[in-house]
């Protein structure tokens, strides 16, 4: 009987566990991430964080990698995937996709679970560096004691990156606006300089990818 393929989050957590076993100091880094998250979110989120503290302190990696609905719920609010380097993260995502093409913006949900707790980002790999830089700035501000922003929308829409957040500090609004505007000059397929193409379906593309259909997850509305 064929086994069901493992999902992206489970593979990322398997890699994070291997990293911690090779370098136990990374467990302290994961606990530090949880500590920064400790004052945010609902009572349910606190219960999940407390459970992760127990798992990491006890080295209970079987619980972290449990292939069940409970395990999936835990991994949706986990600090573990934050430990995985970007190049390894993208390699894992590519192996799950199985088509050899670059992953889209969805890979950032594992890297920024607090920002994308309400919605998954949807858009082409050409905008990955742009959104990653923005989310890094937003999360750094939150980690320094600011409000924790959460995305309501982070998707390609009418050829640009549509970005909307709740609990966004006023001083960060200009960063979000600038990222959205900049996306109109970046090919969403490859990251090269591009320009809006309003034909058939709205997109921002370089000449090479002008008519390439998206291979990444797209929004349905």
Protein backbone atom coordinates (compact mmCIF):
# COMPACT_ATOMS: atom_id res chain seq x y z
CA UNK A 1 0.00 0.00 0.00
CA UNK A 2 1.40 3.41 -1.00
CA UNK A 3 2.06 5.91 1.77
CA UNK A 4 0.44 9.34 1.62
CA UNK A 5 3.04 12.01 0.77
CA UNK A 6 4.16 14.13 3.70
CA UNK A 7 2.98 17.71 3.78
CA UNK A 8 5.24 20.75 3.66
CA UNK A 9 4.91 21.63 7.34
CA UNK A 10 5.79 18.12 8.51
CA UNK A 11 8.89 18.02 6.29
CA UNK A 12 10.01 21.41 7.60
CA UNK A 13 9.57 20.21 11.18
CA UNK A 14 11.52 17.04 10.47
CA UNK A 15 14.36 19.22 9.21
CA UNK A 16 14.11 21.49 12.27
CA UNK A 17 14.29 18.48 14.60
CA UNK A 18 17.41 17.21 12.79
CA UNK A 19 18.97 20.66 13.18
CA UNK A 20 18.24 20.78 16.93
CA UNK A 21 19.59 17.28 17.45
CA UNK A 22 22.80 18.33 15.70
CA UNK A 23 22.96 21.68 17.52
CA UNK A 24 20.99 21.71 20.83
CA UNK A 25 21.50 25.48 21.18
CA UNK A 26 18.81 25.90 18.52
CA UNK A 27 16.26 24.67 21.08
CA UNK A 28 17.00 27.81 23.12
CA UNK A 29 16.42 29.90 20.00
CA UNK A 30 13.01 28.24 19.49
CA UNK A 31 12.12 28.90 23.13
CA UNK A 32 13.17 32.54 22.73
CA UNK A 33 10.79 32.85 19.77
CA UNK A 34 7.98 31.45 21.90
CA UNK A 35 8.83 33.91 24.66
CA UNK A 36 8.48 36.81 22.22
CA UNK A 37 5.09 35.43 21.22
CA UNK A 38 3.94 34.86 24.80
CA UNK A 39 1.95 38.09 25.21
CA UNK A 40 0.12 37.83 21.92
CA UNK A 41 -2.94 36.04 20.69
CA UNK A 42 -5.89 34.22 22.19
CA UNK A 43 -6.16 31.79 25.07
CA UNK A 44 -6.08 28.93 22.56
CA UNK A 45 -2.84 30.33 21.07
CA UNK A 46 -1.33 30.45 24.57
CA UNK A 47 -2.23 26.80 25.12
CA UNK A 48 -0.48 25.88 21.88
CA UNK A 49 2.60 27.91 22.82
CA UNK A 50 2.71 26.30 26.26
CA UNK A 51 2.54 22.88 24.61
CA UNK A 52 5.48 23.77 22.37
CA UNK A 53 7.49 24.86 25.39
CA UNK A 54 6.85 21.44 26.94
CA UNK A 55 7.79 19.62 23.74
CA UNK A 56 11.02 21.53 23.19
CA UNK A 57 12.20 21.37 26.80
CA UNK A 58 11.50 17.63 26.96
CA UNK A 59 12.86 16.92 23.49
CA UNK A 60 9.57 15.18 22.72
CA UNK A 61 10.08 15.21 18.96
CA UNK A 62 7.54 12.44 18.40
CA UNK A 63 4.85 14.92 19.50
CA UNK A 64 6.29 17.59 17.19
CA UNK A 65 6.13 15.19 14.24
CA UNK A 66 2.86 13.47 15.08
CA UNK A 67 0.94 12.71 11.88
CA UNK A 68 -2.54 13.48 13.17
CA UNK A 69 -5.00 16.34 13.24
CA UNK A 70 -3.59 17.36 16.63
CA UNK A 71 -0.07 17.36 15.21
CA UNK A 72 -1.14 19.47 12.25
CA UNK A 73 -2.80 22.00 14.54
CA UNK A 74 0.37 22.28 16.63
CA UNK A 75 2.54 22.83 13.58
CA UNK A 76 0.32 25.69 12.40
CA UNK A 77 1.56 27.82 15.32
CA UNK A 78 5.10 26.55 15.73
CA UNK A 79 8.48 28.25 16.18
CA UNK A 80 10.29 25.26 14.68
CA UNK A 81 9.98 26.15 11.00
CA UNK A 82 11.54 29.55 11.79
CA UNK A 83 14.82 27.71 12.44
CA UNK A 84 15.09 26.29 8.92
CA UNK A 85 17.34 28.35 6.58
CA UNK A 86 15.63 29.87 3.55
CA UNK A 87 17.55 27.76 1.01
CA UNK A 88 16.59 24.53 2.79
CA UNK A 89 13.00 25.73 3.16
CA UNK A 90 12.72 26.38 -0.59
CA UNK A 91 14.30 23.01 -1.42
CA UNK A 92 11.70 21.27 0.74
CA UNK A 93 8.85 23.23 -0.82
CA UNK A 94 10.12 22.39 -4.29
CA UNK A 95 10.28 18.70 -3.43
CA UNK A 96 6.63 18.79 -2.32
CA UNK A 97 5.52 20.62 -5.46
CA UNK A 98 7.35 18.08 -7.59
CA UNK A 99 7.50 20.24 -10.71
CA UNK A 100 10.99 21.66 -10.29
CA UNK A 101 9.73 25.24 -10.49
CA UNK A 102 10.25 27.95 -7.84
CA UNK A 103 7.70 28.05 -5.06
CA UNK A 104 5.39 31.02 -4.68
CA UNK A 105 4.64 33.30 -1.74
CA UNK A 106 2.96 30.46 0.20
CA UNK A 107 6.37 29.43 1.57
CA UNK A 108 6.39 32.52 3.81
CA UNK A 109 3.49 31.27 5.92
CA UNK A 110 5.81 28.86 7.73
CA UNK A 111 8.48 31.53 8.20
CA UNK A 112 6.07 34.16 9.58
CA UNK A 113 3.28 32.17 11.31
CA UNK A 114 2.08 35.13 13.39
CA UNK A 115 1.72 37.43 10.42
CA UNK A 116 -0.03 34.78 8.34
CA UNK A 117 -2.17 33.23 11.08
CA UNK A 118 -5.40 34.34 9.34
CA UNK A 119 -4.53 33.84 5.68
CA UNK A 120 -1.85 32.32 3.46
CA UNK A 121 0.05 34.56 1.05
CA UNK A 122 -0.66 33.89 -2.62
CA UNK A 123 1.49 35.14 -5.46
CA UNK A 124 4.40 34.39 -7.74
CA UNK A 125 8.02 33.62 -6.72
CA UNK A 126 9.21 36.86 -8.31
CA UNK A 127 7.70 38.76 -5.39
CA UNK A 128 9.13 36.43 -2.74
CA UNK A 129 12.14 38.60 -1.82
CA UNK A 130 9.95 41.72 -1.72
CA UNK A 131 7.37 40.23 0.66
CA UNK A 132 10.03 38.45 2.73
CA UNK A 133 11.84 41.76 3.33
CA UNK A 134 8.60 43.50 4.29
CA UNK A 135 7.51 40.71 6.68
CA UNK A 136 10.96 40.68 8.26
CA UNK A 137 10.63 44.39 9.03
CA UNK A 138 7.08 44.01 10.37
CA UNK A 139 7.98 41.05 12.58
CA UNK A 140 11.15 42.75 13.87
CA UNK A 141 9.03 45.74 14.96
CA UNK A 142 6.58 43.42 16.74
CA UNK A 143 9.39 41.46 18.40
CA UNK A 144 10.79 44.73 19.74
CA UNK A 145 7.54 45.35 21.62
CA UNK A 146 5.25 46.72 18.94
CA UNK A 147 1.85 45.44 17.87
CA UNK A 148 1.74 42.09 16.10
CA UNK A 149 0.45 42.73 12.57
CA UNK A 150 -1.63 40.02 10.92
CA UNK A 151 -2.28 39.81 7.22
CA UNK A 152 -5.83 39.98 5.92
CA UNK A 153 -4.60 39.87 2.34
CA UNK A 154 -1.22 39.20 0.74
CA UNK A 155 -1.91 38.17 -2.82
CA UNK A 156 -1.54 39.08 -6.43
CA UNK A 157 -4.48 41.20 -7.56
CA UNK A 158 -4.79 43.30 -10.72
CA UNK A 159 -1.11 42.81 -11.43
CA UNK A 160 0.20 44.01 -8.08
CA UNK A 161 0.80 42.67 -4.58
CA UNK A 162 -2.36 43.47 -2.61
CA UNK A 163 -1.37 43.89 1.05
CA UNK A 164 -3.75 44.52 3.92
CA UNK A 165 -3.03 44.07 7.62
CA UNK A 166 -4.76 44.46 10.98
CA UNK A 167 -2.93 45.77 14.06
CA UNK A 168 -0.37 47.48 11.86
CA UNK A 169 1.55 50.29 13.58
CA UNK A 170 0.96 53.62 11.76
CA UNK A 171 4.68 54.13 11.21
CA UNK A 172 4.80 50.89 9.19
CA UNK A 173 1.99 51.79 6.79
CA UNK A 174 4.41 53.50 4.41
CA UNK A 175 6.52 50.30 4.17
CA UNK A 176 3.45 48.29 3.18
CA UNK A 177 2.38 50.89 0.62
CA UNK A 178 5.89 51.02 -0.84
CA UNK A 179 6.04 47.23 -1.21
CA UNK A 180 2.71 47.18 -3.03
CA UNK A 181 3.81 49.93 -5.37
CA UNK A 182 7.19 48.29 -6.01
CA UNK A 183 5.50 45.03 -7.03
CA UNK A 184 4.21 46.82 -10.15
CA UNK A 185 7.80 46.98 -11.44
CA UNK A 186 8.81 43.38 -10.63
CA UNK A 187 7.93 40.32 -12.71
CA UNK A 188 5.89 38.10 -10.40
CA UNK A 189 7.21 34.98 -12.16
CA UNK A 190 10.97 35.54 -11.87
CA UNK A 191 11.79 38.79 -10.03
CA UNK A 192 13.29 40.58 -13.04
CA UNK A 193 12.22 44.13 -13.88
CA UNK A 194 8.70 44.02 -15.29
CA UNK A 195 5.71 46.12 -16.19
CA UNK A 196 1.94 45.69 -15.91
CA UNK A 197 0.27 43.64 -18.64
CA UNK A 198 -3.50 44.29 -18.63
CA UNK A 199 -4.35 41.82 -21.41
CA UNK A 200 -6.38 38.62 -20.73
CA UNK A 201 -5.56 38.69 -17.03
CA UNK A 202 -3.75 41.45 -15.16
CA UNK A 203 -0.15 40.67 -14.24
CA UNK A 204 3.27 42.30 -13.96
CA UNK A 205 5.83 40.54 -16.12
CA UNK A 206 9.16 40.72 -17.88
CA UNK A 207 9.15 40.06 -21.63
CA UNK A 208 10.28 36.43 -21.19
CA UNK A 209 7.36 35.53 -18.91
CA UNK A 210 4.76 37.83 -20.44
CA UNK A 211 2.38 34.98 -21.35
CA UNK A 212 3.41 32.36 -18.77
CA UNK A 213 0.49 30.96 -16.84
CA UNK A 214 0.89 30.86 -13.02
CA UNK A 215 2.16 27.54 -11.65
CA UNK A 216 1.88 28.81 -8.06
CA UNK A 217 -1.26 28.87 -5.88
CA UNK A 218 -3.45 31.84 -6.77
CA UNK A 219 -6.37 33.47 -5.00
CA UNK A 220 -9.85 32.50 -6.10
CA UNK A 221 -11.30 35.97 -5.50
